[in-house]
Amino acid sequence: MLAGNSAITQEQRDEWEMVVCYDLKSGQERWSHRDRVRFDQMPAGVGPRATPTIVEDRVYTLGATGILNCLELETGEGIWSKDIIRDNNAKAAPWWVSGS
């Protein structure tokens, strides 16, 4: 997702599901947020599959295991986080969570 001179995406780094903001001009990482989860139960590969959503000064992300984050756009600081599967006593679909 693009916002100004930033590109925000989700990726898997070892045991961490990451939300990462990159500078569009330099390609350098500006900030990152991480959750200690690794989803590797799909034939499509490991990690999150949903596109971040930006509304005003907030970034909303949904990880493959159901972690929903709200982050500050400029800094990546966490505002709140919910586990939508656990918090709702729900059973995940066979593909777990993927939505954009």
N, C-alpha and C. Protein backbone atom coordinates (compact mmCIF):
# COMPACT_ATOMS: atom_id res chain seq x y z
N MET A 1 0.85 -1.15 0.00
CA MET A 1 0.00 0.00 0.00
C MET A 1 0.91 1.23 0.00
N LEU A 2 0.56 2.22 -0.79
CA LEU A 2 1.36 3.44 -0.88
C LEU A 2 0.72 4.58 -0.11
N ALA A 3 1.56 5.36 0.56
CA ALA A 3 1.11 6.56 1.29
C ALA A 3 2.23 7.58 1.19
N GLY A 4 2.02 8.62 0.39
CA GLY A 4 3.08 9.62 0.22
C GLY A 4 4.31 8.99 -0.38
N ASN A 5 5.44 9.11 0.30
CA ASN A 5 6.71 8.55 -0.16
C ASN A 5 7.01 7.21 0.53
N SER A 6 5.97 6.52 0.98
CA SER A 6 6.15 5.26 1.71
C SER A 6 5.39 4.12 1.04
N ALA A 7 5.97 2.94 1.14
CA ALA A 7 5.29 1.70 0.74
C ALA A 7 5.20 0.82 1.97
N ILE A 8 4.00 0.37 2.30
CA ILE A 8 3.79 -0.44 3.50
C ILE A 8 3.29 -1.81 3.07
N THR A 9 3.94 -2.84 3.59
CA THR A 9 3.60 -4.21 3.21
C THR A 9 3.73 -5.13 4.42
N GLN A 10 3.33 -6.37 4.24
CA GLN A 10 3.53 -7.40 5.25
C GLN A 10 4.46 -8.46 4.68
N GLU A 11 5.27 -9.05 5.54
CA GLU A 11 6.20 -10.09 5.11
C GLU A 11 6.54 -10.99 6.29
N GLN A 12 7.09 -12.15 5.98
CA GLN A 12 7.53 -13.09 7.01
C GLN A 12 9.04 -13.03 7.10
N ARG A 13 9.56 -12.85 8.31
CA ARG A 13 11.00 -12.90 8.57
C ARG A 13 11.22 -13.92 9.69
N ASP A 14 11.66 -15.09 9.30
CA ASP A 14 11.86 -16.17 10.26
C ASP A 14 10.58 -16.41 11.06
N GLU A 15 10.62 -16.24 12.38
CA GLU A 15 9.45 -16.51 13.23
C GLU A 15 8.59 -15.27 13.45
N TRP A 16 8.82 -14.23 12.70
CA TRP A 16 8.10 -12.97 12.90
C TRP A 16 7.28 -12.60 11.68
N GLU A 17 6.01 -12.30 11.90
CA GLU A 17 5.17 -11.72 10.87
C GLU A 17 5.35 -10.21 10.99
N MET A 18 5.78 -9.57 9.92
CA MET A 18 6.20 -8.17 9.96
C MET A 18 5.27 -7.27 9.15
N VAL A 19 5.07 -6.06 9.65
CA VAL A 19 4.51 -4.96 8.88
C VAL A 19 5.69 -4.01 8.69
N VAL A 20 6.01 -3.68 7.44
CA VAL A 20 7.22 -2.90 7.17
C VAL A 20 6.89 -1.72 6.28
N CYS A 21 7.45 -0.57 6.64
CA CYS A 21 7.31 0.66 5.85
C CYS A 21 8.66 0.95 5.19
N TYR A 22 8.65 1.06 3.87
CA TYR A 22 9.86 1.36 3.10
C TYR A 22 9.76 2.74 2.47
N ASP A 23 10.88 3.43 2.38
CA ASP A 23 10.97 4.70 1.66
C ASP A 23 10.96 4.39 0.17
N LEU A 24 10.05 5.01 -0.58
CA LEU A 24 9.94 4.71 -2.01
C LEU A 24 11.16 5.15 -2.81
N LYS A 25 11.80 6.22 -2.41
CA LYS A 25 12.95 6.72 -3.17
C LYS A 25 14.21 5.92 -2.91
N SER A 26 14.49 5.62 -1.66
CA SER A 26 15.75 4.95 -1.31
C SER A 26 15.61 3.43 -1.16
N GLY A 27 14.40 2.95 -0.90
CA GLY A 27 14.20 1.53 -0.63
C GLY A 27 14.56 1.13 0.79
N GLN A 28 14.98 2.09 1.60
CA GLN A 28 15.37 1.81 2.98
C GLN A 28 14.14 1.61 3.87
N GLU A 29 14.30 0.75 4.85
CA GLU A 29 13.23 0.53 5.82
C GLU A 29 13.11 1.75 6.72
N ARG A 30 11.89 2.27 6.86
CA ARG A 30 11.64 3.40 7.77
C ARG A 30 11.26 2.90 9.16
N TRP A 31 10.36 1.94 9.21
CA TRP A 31 9.96 1.35 10.48
C TRP A 31 9.41 -0.05 10.23
N SER A 32 9.30 -0.81 11.31
CA SER A 32 8.67 -2.13 11.23
C SER A 32 7.96 -2.44 12.54
N HIS A 33 6.96 -3.28 12.42
CA HIS A 33 6.21 -3.79 13.57
C HIS A 33 6.21 -5.31 13.42
N ARG A 34 6.38 -6.03 14.51
CA ARG A 34 6.42 -7.49 14.38
C ARG A 34 5.54 -8.19 15.41
N ASP A 35 5.01 -9.33 14.97
CA ASP A 35 4.26 -10.24 15.82
C ASP A 35 4.94 -11.60 15.71
N ARG A 36 5.14 -12.24 16.85
CA ARG A 36 5.85 -13.52 16.85
C ARG A 36 4.90 -14.65 16.45
N VAL A 37 4.69 -14.79 15.18
CA VAL A 37 3.90 -15.89 14.62
C VAL A 37 4.49 -16.27 13.27
N ARG A 38 4.38 -17.52 12.95
CA ARG A 38 4.81 -18.00 11.64
C ARG A 38 3.72 -18.92 11.11
N PHE A 39 3.13 -18.55 10.01
CA PHE A 39 2.10 -19.38 9.39
C PHE A 39 2.71 -20.06 8.18
N ASP A 40 2.74 -21.40 8.20
CA ASP A 40 3.33 -22.13 7.08
C ASP A 40 2.52 -23.38 6.73
N GLN A 41 1.21 -23.31 6.91
CA GLN A 41 0.35 -24.46 6.66
C GLN A 41 -0.30 -24.46 5.28
N MET A 42 0.06 -23.51 4.45
CA MET A 42 -0.54 -23.40 3.12
C MET A 42 0.48 -23.77 2.04
N PRO A 43 0.03 -24.36 0.95
CA PRO A 43 0.95 -24.63 -0.15
C PRO A 43 1.40 -23.35 -0.86
N ALA A 44 0.77 -22.23 -0.57
CA ALA A 44 1.11 -20.97 -1.24
C ALA A 44 2.31 -20.28 -0.60
N GLY A 45 2.85 -20.81 0.47
CA GLY A 45 4.01 -20.20 1.11
C GLY A 45 3.70 -19.67 2.49
N VAL A 46 4.75 -19.23 3.17
CA VAL A 46 4.62 -18.77 4.55
C VAL A 46 4.22 -17.30 4.61
N GLY A 47 3.70 -16.93 5.77
CA GLY A 47 3.51 -15.52 6.07
C GLY A 47 2.16 -14.95 5.73
N PRO A 48 2.03 -13.65 6.02
CA PRO A 48 0.77 -12.94 5.81
C PRO A 48 0.47 -12.77 4.32
N ARG A 49 -0.85 -12.67 4.01
CA ARG A 49 -1.25 -12.56 2.61
C ARG A 49 -2.18 -11.39 2.35
N ALA A 50 -2.51 -10.63 3.35
CA ALA A 50 -3.45 -9.52 3.18
C ALA A 50 -2.72 -8.20 2.95
N THR A 51 -3.34 -7.33 2.20
CA THR A 51 -2.79 -6.01 1.92
C THR A 51 -3.12 -5.06 3.06
N PRO A 52 -2.16 -4.29 3.56
CA PRO A 52 -2.47 -3.29 4.58
C PRO A 52 -3.49 -2.26 4.07
N THR A 53 -4.25 -1.71 4.99
CA THR A 53 -5.22 -0.66 4.68
C THR A 53 -4.79 0.60 5.41
N ILE A 54 -4.82 1.73 4.72
CA ILE A 54 -4.45 3.01 5.33
C ILE A 54 -5.68 3.91 5.35
N VAL A 55 -6.00 4.41 6.54
CA VAL A 55 -7.09 5.36 6.72
C VAL A 55 -6.54 6.51 7.56
N GLU A 56 -6.47 7.69 6.93
CA GLU A 56 -5.91 8.88 7.57
C GLU A 56 -4.50 8.57 8.09
N ASP A 57 -4.28 8.63 9.39
CA ASP A 57 -2.92 8.42 9.93
C ASP A 57 -2.76 7.05 10.59
N ARG A 58 -3.56 6.08 10.15
CA ARG A 58 -3.52 4.73 10.72
C ARG A 58 -3.28 3.69 9.63
N VAL A 59 -2.57 2.62 10.00
CA VAL A 59 -2.37 1.47 9.13
C VAL A 59 -3.03 0.28 9.81
N TYR A 60 -3.90 -0.42 9.09
CA TYR A 60 -4.58 -1.61 9.61
C TYR A 60 -4.06 -2.82 8.84
N THR A 61 -3.64 -3.85 9.58
CA THR A 61 -3.12 -5.06 8.94
C THR A 61 -3.77 -6.28 9.56
N LEU A 62 -3.89 -7.33 8.75
CA LEU A 62 -4.45 -8.59 9.21
C LEU A 62 -3.48 -9.70 8.83
N GLY A 63 -2.93 -10.36 9.83
CA GLY A 63 -1.97 -11.43 9.59
C GLY A 63 -2.63 -12.76 9.31
N ALA A 64 -1.85 -13.72 8.87
CA ALA A 64 -2.37 -15.03 8.46
C ALA A 64 -3.00 -15.81 9.60
N THR A 65 -2.60 -15.56 10.84
CA THR A 65 -3.18 -16.27 11.99
C THR A 65 -4.30 -15.50 12.65
N GLY A 66 -4.67 -14.35 12.09
CA GLY A 66 -5.79 -13.58 12.60
C GLY A 66 -5.43 -12.42 13.50
N ILE A 67 -4.18 -12.00 13.53
CA ILE A 67 -3.81 -10.84 14.33
C ILE A 67 -4.12 -9.58 13.53
N LEU A 68 -5.02 -8.78 14.08
CA LEU A 68 -5.44 -7.52 13.48
C LEU A 68 -4.75 -6.38 14.23
N ASN A 69 -3.92 -5.61 13.52
CA ASN A 69 -3.18 -4.52 14.14
C ASN A 69 -3.65 -3.17 13.62
N CYS A 70 -3.60 -2.18 14.50
CA CYS A 70 -3.78 -0.78 14.13
C CYS A 70 -2.48 -0.08 14.53
N LEU A 71 -1.81 0.52 13.54
CA LEU A 71 -0.51 1.14 13.77
C LEU A 71 -0.53 2.60 13.36
N GLU A 72 0.35 3.39 13.96
CA GLU A 72 0.55 4.78 13.59
C GLU A 72 1.28 4.81 12.24
N LEU A 73 0.75 5.53 11.27
CA LEU A 73 1.32 5.57 9.92
C LEU A 73 2.76 6.09 9.90
N GLU A 74 3.06 7.13 10.63
CA GLU A 74 4.38 7.75 10.57
C GLU A 74 5.47 6.96 11.28
N THR A 75 5.11 6.24 12.34
CA THR A 75 6.13 5.59 13.18
C THR A 75 6.02 4.07 13.26
N GLY A 76 4.86 3.52 12.93
CA GLY A 76 4.63 2.09 13.09
C GLY A 76 4.30 1.69 14.51
N GLU A 77 4.19 2.66 15.39
CA GLU A 77 3.87 2.37 16.79
C GLU A 77 2.49 1.72 16.88
N GLY A 78 2.39 0.66 17.70
CA GLY A 78 1.12 -0.03 17.87
C GLY A 78 0.12 0.80 18.64
N ILE A 79 -1.09 0.89 18.12
CA ILE A 79 -2.18 1.58 18.81
C ILE A 79 -3.06 0.54 19.50
N TRP A 80 -3.41 -0.51 18.79
CA TRP A 80 -4.10 -1.65 19.38
C TRP A 80 -3.89 -2.89 18.52
N SER A 81 -4.15 -4.05 19.12
CA SER A 81 -4.00 -5.32 18.43
C SER A 81 -5.05 -6.29 18.96
N LYS A 82 -5.65 -7.07 18.07
CA LYS A 82 -6.65 -8.07 18.45
C LYS A 82 -6.34 -9.37 17.73
N ASP A 83 -6.63 -10.47 18.37
CA ASP A 83 -6.54 -11.78 17.72
C ASP A 83 -7.98 -12.17 17.39
N ILE A 84 -8.38 -11.99 16.14
CA ILE A 84 -9.79 -12.14 15.78
C ILE A 84 -10.29 -13.58 15.89
N ILE A 85 -9.40 -14.55 15.81
CA ILE A 85 -9.81 -15.95 15.98
C ILE A 85 -10.00 -16.25 17.46
N ARG A 86 -8.96 -16.03 18.25
CA ARG A 86 -9.01 -16.33 19.68
C ARG A 86 -10.04 -15.47 20.41
N ASP A 87 -10.04 -14.16 20.15
CA ASP A 87 -10.92 -13.25 20.88
C ASP A 87 -12.40 -13.53 20.64
N ASN A 88 -12.72 -14.20 19.54
CA ASN A 88 -14.12 -14.51 19.22
C ASN A 88 -14.45 -15.99 19.39
N ASN A 89 -13.53 -16.73 20.03
CA ASN A 89 -13.72 -18.17 20.22
C ASN A 89 -14.13 -18.84 18.91
N ALA A 90 -13.48 -18.44 17.83
CA ALA A 90 -13.82 -18.92 16.50
C ALA A 90 -12.88 -20.03 16.06
N LYS A 91 -13.32 -20.77 15.08
CA LYS A 91 -12.47 -21.78 14.45
C LYS A 91 -12.04 -21.21 13.10
N ALA A 92 -10.76 -21.28 12.84
CA ALA A 92 -10.24 -20.74 11.58
C ALA A 92 -10.65 -21.62 10.41
N ALA A 93 -10.83 -20.98 9.26
CA ALA A 93 -11.06 -21.71 8.02
C ALA A 93 -9.81 -22.52 7.68
N PRO A 94 -9.91 -23.51 6.79
CA PRO A 94 -8.72 -24.31 6.45
C PRO A 94 -7.54 -23.47 5.95
N TRP A 95 -7.81 -22.36 5.32
CA TRP A 95 -6.74 -21.49 4.81
C TRP A 95 -6.38 -20.41 5.81
N TRP A 96 -6.95 -20.45 6.98
CA TRP A 96 -6.81 -19.48 8.05
C TRP A 96 -7.29 -18.12 7.60
N VAL A 97 -6.47 -17.08 7.64
CA VAL A 97 -6.98 -15.72 7.39
C VAL A 97 -6.25 -15.09 6.21
N SER A 98 -7.03 -14.58 5.28
CA SER A 98 -6.47 -13.84 4.15
C SER A 98 -7.55 -12.92 3.63
N GLY A 99 -7.30 -11.63 3.67
CA GLY A 99 -8.29 -10.68 3.19
C GLY A 99 -7.64 -9.35 2.87
N SER A 100 -8.15 -8.71 1.86
CA SER A 100 -7.61 -7.41 1.48
C SER A 100 -8.76 -6.47 1.13
